[in-house]
């Protein structure tokens, strides 16, 4: 039984660590870590990112073009 518990904990740890480096096609506007990741990656403020998402949507490809930044 405990052998089954270990992979579950490992999977949870892996899930947590990948959330700090989003790879999705959209910015998750409900996850502060996701917003901070993209704001840092594109060297913009969180407020600039939020305004851009309101204007052009949360798709990372569209936002990268909007800010003239690489994806």
PDB file of N, CA and C in Angstrom:
ATOM      1  N   UNK A   1       0.802  -1.197   0.000  1.00  0.00           N
ATOM      2  CA  UNK A   1       0.000   0.000   0.000  1.00  0.00           C
ATOM      3  C   UNK A   1       0.844   1.259   0.000  1.00  0.00           C
ATOM      4  N   UNK A   2       1.885   1.313   0.819  1.00  0.00           N
ATOM      5  CA  UNK A   2       2.693   2.523   0.875  1.00  0.00           C
ATOM      6  C   UNK A   2       3.446   2.760  -0.428  1.00  0.00           C
ATOM      7  N   UNK A   3       3.678   1.712  -1.211  1.00  0.00           N
ATOM      8  CA  UNK A   3       4.312   1.873  -2.513  1.00  0.00           C
ATOM      9  C   UNK A   3       3.468   2.717  -3.452  1.00  0.00           C
ATOM     10  N   UNK A   4       2.155   2.633  -3.271  1.00  0.00           N
ATOM     11  CA  UNK A   4       1.250   3.441  -4.095  1.00  0.00           C
ATOM     12  C   UNK A   4       1.247   4.897  -3.655  1.00  0.00           C
ATOM     13  N   UNK A   5       1.472   5.137  -2.374  1.00  0.00           N
ATOM     14  CA  UNK A   5       1.482   6.505  -1.860  1.00  0.00           C
ATOM     15  C   UNK A   5       2.678   7.294  -2.365  1.00  0.00           C
ATOM     16  N   UNK A   6       3.821   6.651  -2.507  1.00  0.00           N
ATOM     17  CA  UNK A   6       5.043   7.339  -2.908  1.00  0.00           C
ATOM     18  C   UNK A   6       4.923   7.955  -4.299  1.00  0.00           C
ATOM     19  N   UNK A   7       4.467   7.204  -5.322  1.00  0.00           N
ATOM     20  CA  UNK A   7       4.320   7.848  -6.637  1.00  0.00           C
ATOM     21  C   UNK A   7       3.347   9.023  -6.608  1.00  0.00           C
ATOM     22  N   UNK A   8       2.307   8.914  -5.776  1.00  0.00           N
ATOM     23  CA  UNK A   8       1.353  10.002  -5.694  1.00  0.00           C
ATOM     24  C   UNK A   8       2.022  11.268  -5.185  1.00  0.00           C
ATOM     25  N   UNK A   9       2.842  11.135  -4.153  1.00  0.00           N
ATOM     26  CA  UNK A   9       3.552  12.306  -3.640  1.00  0.00           C
ATOM     27  C   UNK A   9       4.544  12.828  -4.663  1.00  0.00           C
ATOM     28  N   UNK A  10       5.223  11.930  -5.339  1.00  0.00           N
ATOM     29  CA  UNK A  10       6.181  12.342  -6.361  1.00  0.00           C
ATOM     30  C   UNK A  10       5.461  13.084  -7.480  1.00  0.00           C
ATOM     31  N   UNK A  11       4.318  12.574  -7.883  1.00  0.00           N
ATOM     32  CA  UNK A  11       3.556  13.227  -8.936  1.00  0.00           C
ATOM     33  C   UNK A  11       3.126  14.626  -8.493  1.00  0.00           C
ATOM     34  N   UNK A  12       2.689  14.765  -7.248  1.00  0.00           N
ATOM     35  CA  UNK A  12       2.292  16.081  -6.755  1.00  0.00           C
ATOM     36  C   UNK A  12       3.461  17.045  -6.776  1.00  0.00           C
ATOM     37  N   UNK A  13       4.638  16.587  -6.376  1.00  0.00           N
ATOM     38  CA  UNK A  13       5.829  17.435  -6.405  1.00  0.00           C
ATOM     39  C   UNK A  13       6.164  17.843  -7.827  1.00  0.00           C
ATOM     40  N   UNK A  14       6.062  16.906  -8.746  1.00  0.00           N
ATOM     41  CA  UNK A  14       6.359  17.213 -10.144  1.00  0.00           C
ATOM     42  C   UNK A  14       5.362  18.221 -10.691  1.00  0.00           C
ATOM     43  N   UNK A  15       4.112  18.070 -10.322  1.00  0.00           N
ATOM     44  CA  UNK A  15       3.093  19.001 -10.778  1.00  0.00           C
ATOM     45  C   UNK A  15       3.368  20.396 -10.244  1.00  0.00           C
ATOM     46  N   UNK A  16       3.729  20.477  -8.982  1.00  0.00           N
ATOM     47  CA  UNK A  16       4.030  21.780  -8.397  1.00  0.00           C
ATOM     48  C   UNK A  16       5.222  22.437  -9.078  1.00  0.00           C
ATOM     49  N   UNK A  17       6.266  21.669  -9.352  1.00  0.00           N
ATOM     50  CA  UNK A  17       7.462  22.265  -9.938  1.00  0.00           C
ATOM     51  C   UNK A  17       7.223  22.734 -11.364  1.00  0.00           C
ATOM     52  N   UNK A  18       6.369  22.046 -12.111  1.00  0.00           N
ATOM     53  CA  UNK A  18       6.117  22.489 -13.478  1.00  0.00           C
ATOM     54  C   UNK A  18       5.233  23.724 -13.508  1.00  0.00           C
ATOM     55  N   UNK A  19       4.449  23.959 -12.461  1.00  0.00           N
ATOM     56  CA  UNK A  19       3.580  25.138 -12.470  1.00  0.00           C
ATOM     57  C   UNK A  19       4.395  26.428 -12.401  1.00  0.00           C
ATOM     58  N   UNK A  20       5.649  26.347 -11.945  1.00  0.00           N
ATOM     59  CA  UNK A  20       6.475  27.546 -11.895  1.00  0.00           C
ATOM     60  C   UNK A  20       7.042  27.896 -13.277  1.00  0.00           C
ATOM     61  N   UNK A  21       6.927  26.973 -14.220  1.00  0.00           N
ATOM     62  CA  UNK A  21       7.382  27.226 -15.580  1.00  0.00           C
ATOM     63  C   UNK A  21       6.270  26.822 -16.551  1.00  0.00           C
ATOM     64  N   UNK A  22       5.276  27.673 -16.699  1.00  0.00           N
ATOM     65  CA  UNK A  22       4.144  27.338 -17.562  1.00  0.00           C
ATOM     66  C   UNK A  22       4.564  27.106 -19.004  1.00  0.00           C
ATOM     67  N   UNK A  23       3.934  26.155 -19.629  1.00  0.00           N
ATOM     68  CA  UNK A  23       4.231  25.879 -21.029  1.00  0.00           C
ATOM     69  C   UNK A  23       2.958  25.895 -21.867  1.00  0.00           C
ATOM     70  N   UNK A  24       1.861  26.332 -21.236  1.00  0.00           N
ATOM     71  CA  UNK A  24       0.588  26.340 -21.935  1.00  0.00           C
ATOM     72  C   UNK A  24       0.507  27.399 -23.007  1.00  0.00           C
ATOM     73  N   UNK A  25      -0.552  27.345 -23.755  1.00  0.00           N
ATOM     74  CA  UNK A  25      -0.765  28.313 -24.823  1.00  0.00           C
ATOM     75  C   UNK A  25      -1.502  29.545 -24.341  1.00  0.00           C
ATOM     76  N   UNK A  26      -1.938  29.516 -23.072  1.00  0.00           N
ATOM     77  CA  UNK A  26      -2.614  30.669 -22.500  1.00  0.00           C
ATOM     78  C   UNK A  26      -2.046  30.990 -21.119  1.00  0.00           C
ATOM     79  N   UNK A  27      -2.167  32.244 -20.742  1.00  0.00           N
ATOM     80  CA  UNK A  27      -1.779  32.666 -19.407  1.00  0.00           C
ATOM     81  C   UNK A  27      -2.976  32.404 -18.493  1.00  0.00           C
ATOM     82  N   UNK A  28      -2.753  31.686 -17.420  1.00  0.00           N
ATOM     83  CA  UNK A  28      -3.821  31.425 -16.465  1.00  0.00           C
ATOM     84  C   UNK A  28      -3.968  32.659 -15.585  1.00  0.00           C
ATOM     85  N   UNK A  29      -4.989  33.438 -15.845  1.00  0.00           N
ATOM     86  CA  UNK A  29      -5.171  34.707 -15.145  1.00  0.00           C
ATOM     87  C   UNK A  29      -5.562  34.514 -13.688  1.00  0.00           C
ATOM     88  N   UNK A  30      -5.904  33.291 -13.297  1.00  0.00           N
ATOM     89  CA  UNK A  30      -6.282  32.992 -11.922  1.00  0.00           C
ATOM     90  C   UNK A  30      -5.124  32.453 -11.098  1.00  0.00           C
ATOM     91  N   UNK A  31      -3.952  32.301 -11.714  1.00  0.00           N
ATOM     92  CA  UNK A  31      -2.783  31.766 -11.013  1.00  0.00           C
ATOM     93  C   UNK A  31      -1.694  32.834 -10.949  1.00  0.00           C
ATOM     94  N   UNK A  32      -1.445  33.341  -9.750  1.00  0.00           N
ATOM     95  CA  UNK A  32      -0.432  34.387  -9.578  1.00  0.00           C
ATOM     96  C   UNK A  32       0.940  33.945 -10.083  1.00  0.00           C
ATOM     97  N   UNK A  33       1.285  32.672  -9.871  1.00  0.00           N
ATOM     98  CA  UNK A  33       2.577  32.164 -10.338  1.00  0.00           C
ATOM     99  C   UNK A  33       2.680  32.265 -11.858  1.00  0.00           C
ATOM    100  N   UNK A  34       1.599  31.966 -12.540  1.00  0.00           N
ATOM    101  CA  UNK A  34       1.579  32.029 -14.003  1.00  0.00           C
ATOM    102  C   UNK A  34       1.744  33.477 -14.469  1.00  0.00           C
ATOM    103  N   UNK A  35       1.006  34.379 -13.865  1.00  0.00           N
ATOM    104  CA  UNK A  35       1.118  35.793 -14.226  1.00  0.00           C
ATOM    105  C   UNK A  35       2.530  36.318 -13.981  1.00  0.00           C
ATOM    106  N   UNK A  36       3.111  35.974 -12.834  1.00  0.00           N
ATOM    107  CA  UNK A  36       4.476  36.421 -12.527  1.00  0.00           C
ATOM    108  C   UNK A  36       5.485  35.836 -13.504  1.00  0.00           C
ATOM    109  N   UNK A  37       5.306  34.552 -13.873  1.00  0.00           N
ATOM    110  CA  UNK A  37       6.227  33.921 -14.815  1.00  0.00           C
ATOM    111  C   UNK A  37       6.278  34.702 -16.130  1.00  0.00           C
ATOM    112  N   UNK A  38       5.100  34.953 -16.707  1.00  0.00           N
ATOM    113  CA  UNK A  38       5.069  35.625 -18.010  1.00  0.00           C
ATOM    114  C   UNK A  38       5.503  37.084 -17.901  1.00  0.00           C
ATOM    115  N   UNK A  39       5.136  37.773 -16.835  1.00  0.00           N
ATOM    116  CA  UNK A  39       5.565  39.164 -16.655  1.00  0.00           C
ATOM    117  C   UNK A  39       7.088  39.232 -16.554  1.00  0.00           C
ATOM    118  N   UNK A  40       7.670  38.310 -15.825  1.00  0.00           N
ATOM    119  CA  UNK A  40       9.134  38.270 -15.699  1.00  0.00           C
ATOM    120  C   UNK A  40       9.778  37.902 -17.026  1.00  0.00           C
ATOM    121  N   UNK A  41       9.230  36.899 -17.694  1.00  0.00           N
ATOM    122  CA  UNK A  41       9.791  36.451 -18.979  1.00  0.00           C
ATOM    123  C   UNK A  41       9.809  37.589 -19.997  1.00  0.00           C
ATOM    124  N   UNK A  42       8.755  38.383 -20.015  1.00  0.00           N
ATOM    125  CA  UNK A  42       8.655  39.463 -20.997  1.00  0.00           C
ATOM    126  C   UNK A  42       9.125  40.803 -20.436  1.00  0.00           C
ATOM    127  N   UNK A  43       9.623  40.828 -19.213  1.00  0.00           N
ATOM    128  CA  UNK A  43      10.143  42.044 -18.569  1.00  0.00           C
ATOM    129  C   UNK A  43       9.108  43.170 -18.588  1.00  0.00           C
ATOM    130  N   UNK A  44       7.909  42.830 -18.101  1.00  0.00           N
ATOM    131  CA  UNK A  44       6.811  43.790 -18.002  1.00  0.00           C
ATOM    132  C   UNK A  44       6.221  43.703 -16.598  1.00  0.00           C
ATOM    133  N   UNK A  45       5.417  44.680 -16.231  1.00  0.00           N
ATOM    134  CA  UNK A  45       4.771  44.640 -14.921  1.00  0.00           C
ATOM    135  C   UNK A  45       3.534  43.741 -14.980  1.00  0.00           C
ATOM    136  N   UNK A  46       3.096  43.316 -13.807  1.00  0.00           N
ATOM    137  CA  UNK A  46       1.869  42.518 -13.734  1.00  0.00           C
ATOM    138  C   UNK A  46       0.685  43.318 -14.259  1.00  0.00           C
ATOM    139  N   UNK A  47       0.670  44.608 -13.957  1.00  0.00           N
ATOM    140  CA  UNK A  47      -0.422  45.457 -14.434  1.00  0.00           C
ATOM    141  C   UNK A  47      -0.420  45.554 -15.963  1.00  0.00           C
ATOM    142  N   UNK A  48       0.753  45.690 -16.575  1.00  0.00           N
ATOM    143  CA  UNK A  48       0.832  45.720 -18.043  1.00  0.00           C
ATOM    144  C   UNK A  48       0.300  44.412 -18.630  1.00  0.00           C
ATOM    145  N   UNK A  49       0.667  43.303 -17.995  1.00  0.00           N
ATOM    146  CA  UNK A  49       0.200  42.005 -18.472  1.00  0.00           C
ATOM    147  C   UNK A  49      -1.310  41.888 -18.338  1.00  0.00           C
ATOM    148  N   UNK A  50      -1.846  42.286 -17.210  1.00  0.00           N
ATOM    149  CA  UNK A  50      -3.302  42.219 -17.010  1.00  0.00           C
ATOM    150  C   UNK A  50      -4.051  43.077 -18.022  1.00  0.00           C
ATOM    151  N   UNK A  51      -3.540  44.289 -18.276  1.00  0.00           N
ATOM    152  CA  UNK A  51      -4.189  45.161 -19.263  1.00  0.00           C
ATOM    153  C   UNK A  51      -4.145  44.555 -20.661  1.00  0.00           C
ATOM    154  N   UNK A  52      -3.008  43.967 -21.002  1.00  0.00           N
ATOM    155  CA  UNK A  52      -2.873  43.340 -22.323  1.00  0.00           C
ATOM    156  C   UNK A  52      -3.814  42.145 -22.464  1.00  0.00           C
ATOM    157  N   UNK A  53      -3.932  41.354 -21.414  1.00  0.00           N
ATOM    158  CA  UNK A  53      -4.846  40.208 -21.450  1.00  0.00           C
ATOM    159  C   UNK A  53      -6.278  40.695 -21.641  1.00  0.00           C
ATOM    160  N   UNK A  54      -6.645  41.774 -20.964  1.00  0.00           N
ATOM    161  CA  UNK A  54      -7.990  42.338 -21.130  1.00  0.00           C
ATOM    162  C   UNK A  54      -8.203  42.835 -22.561  1.00  0.00           C
ATOM    163  N   UNK A  55      -7.149  43.309 -23.178  1.00  0.00           N
ATOM    164  CA  UNK A  55      -7.247  43.884 -24.525  1.00  0.00           C
ATOM    165  C   UNK A  55      -7.194  42.827 -25.631  1.00  0.00           C
ATOM    166  N   UNK A  56      -6.221  41.889 -25.554  1.00  0.00           N
ATOM    167  CA  UNK A  56      -6.017  40.948 -26.664  1.00  0.00           C
ATOM    168  C   UNK A  56      -6.288  39.492 -26.307  1.00  0.00           C
ATOM    169  N   UNK A  57      -6.540  39.213 -25.030  1.00  0.00           N
ATOM    170  CA  UNK A  57      -6.816  37.840 -24.612  1.00  0.00           C
ATOM    171  C   UNK A  57      -5.598  37.188 -23.982  1.00  0.00           C
ATOM    172  N   UNK A  58      -5.780  35.985 -23.406  1.00  0.00           N
ATOM    173  CA  UNK A  58      -4.716  35.329 -22.646  1.00  0.00           C
ATOM    174  C   UNK A  58      -3.790  34.410 -23.455  1.00  0.00           C
ATOM    175  N   UNK A  59      -3.941  34.341 -24.762  1.00  0.00           N
ATOM    176  CA  UNK A  59      -3.099  33.454 -25.565  1.00  0.00           C
ATOM    177  C   UNK A  59      -1.664  33.976 -25.577  1.00  0.00           C
ATOM    178  N   UNK A  60      -0.728  33.090 -25.215  1.00  0.00           N
ATOM    179  CA  UNK A  60       0.669  33.512 -25.091  1.00  0.00           C
ATOM    180  C   UNK A  60       1.252  33.980 -26.430  1.00  0.00           C
ATOM    181  N   UNK A  61       0.864  33.352 -27.503  1.00  0.00           N
ATOM    182  CA  UNK A  61       1.388  33.763 -28.814  1.00  0.00           C
ATOM    183  C   UNK A  61       0.932  35.178 -29.160  1.00  0.00           C
ATOM    184  N   UNK A  62      -0.323  35.478 -28.913  1.00  0.00           N
ATOM    185  CA  UNK A  62      -0.866  36.803 -29.181  1.00  0.00           C
ATOM    186  C   UNK A  62      -0.213  37.855 -28.272  1.00  0.00           C
ATOM    187  N   UNK A  63      -0.049  37.507 -27.003  1.00  0.00           N
ATOM    188  CA  UNK A  63       0.580  38.433 -26.061  1.00  0.00           C
ATOM    189  C   UNK A  63       2.039  38.695 -26.421  1.00  0.00           C
ATOM    190  N   UNK A  64       2.749  37.668 -26.836  1.00  0.00           N
ATOM    191  CA  UNK A  64       4.150  37.849 -27.237  1.00  0.00           C
ATOM    192  C   UNK A  64       4.238  38.819 -28.415  1.00  0.00           C
ATOM    193  N   UNK A  65       3.342  38.674 -29.378  1.00  0.00           N
ATOM    194  CA  UNK A  65       3.313  39.611 -30.509  1.00  0.00           C
ATOM    195  C   UNK A  65       2.954  41.018 -30.039  1.00  0.00           C
ATOM    196  N   UNK A  66       1.989  41.131 -29.150  1.00  0.00           N
ATOM    197  CA  UNK A  66       1.547  42.421 -28.629  1.00  0.00           C
ATOM    198  C   UNK A  66       2.714  43.163 -27.980  1.00  0.00           C
ATOM    199  N   UNK A  67       3.528  42.443 -27.215  1.00  0.00           N
ATOM    200  CA  UNK A  67       4.666  43.054 -26.525  1.00  0.00           C
ATOM    201  C   UNK A  67       5.959  43.019 -27.369  1.00  0.00           C
ATOM    202  N   UNK A  68       5.874  42.450 -28.571  1.00  0.00           N
ATOM    203  CA  UNK A  68       7.065  42.292 -29.431  1.00  0.00           C
ATOM    204  C   UNK A  68       8.175  41.554 -28.688  1.00  0.00           C
ATOM    205  N   UNK A  69       7.795  40.450 -28.040  1.00  0.00           N
ATOM    206  CA  UNK A  69       8.727  39.634 -27.267  1.00  0.00           C
ATOM    207  C   UNK A  69       8.701  38.212 -27.802  1.00  0.00           C
ATOM    208  N   UNK A  70       9.805  37.491 -27.629  1.00  0.00           N
ATOM    209  CA  UNK A  70       9.813  36.088 -28.045  1.00  0.00           C
ATOM    210  C   UNK A  70       8.956  35.237 -27.101  1.00  0.00           C
ATOM    211  N   UNK A  71       8.418  34.181 -27.641  1.00  0.00           N
ATOM    212  CA  UNK A  71       7.617  33.257 -26.851  1.00  0.00           C
ATOM    213  C   UNK A  71       8.541  32.330 -26.158  1.00  0.00           C
TER     214      UNK A  71
END
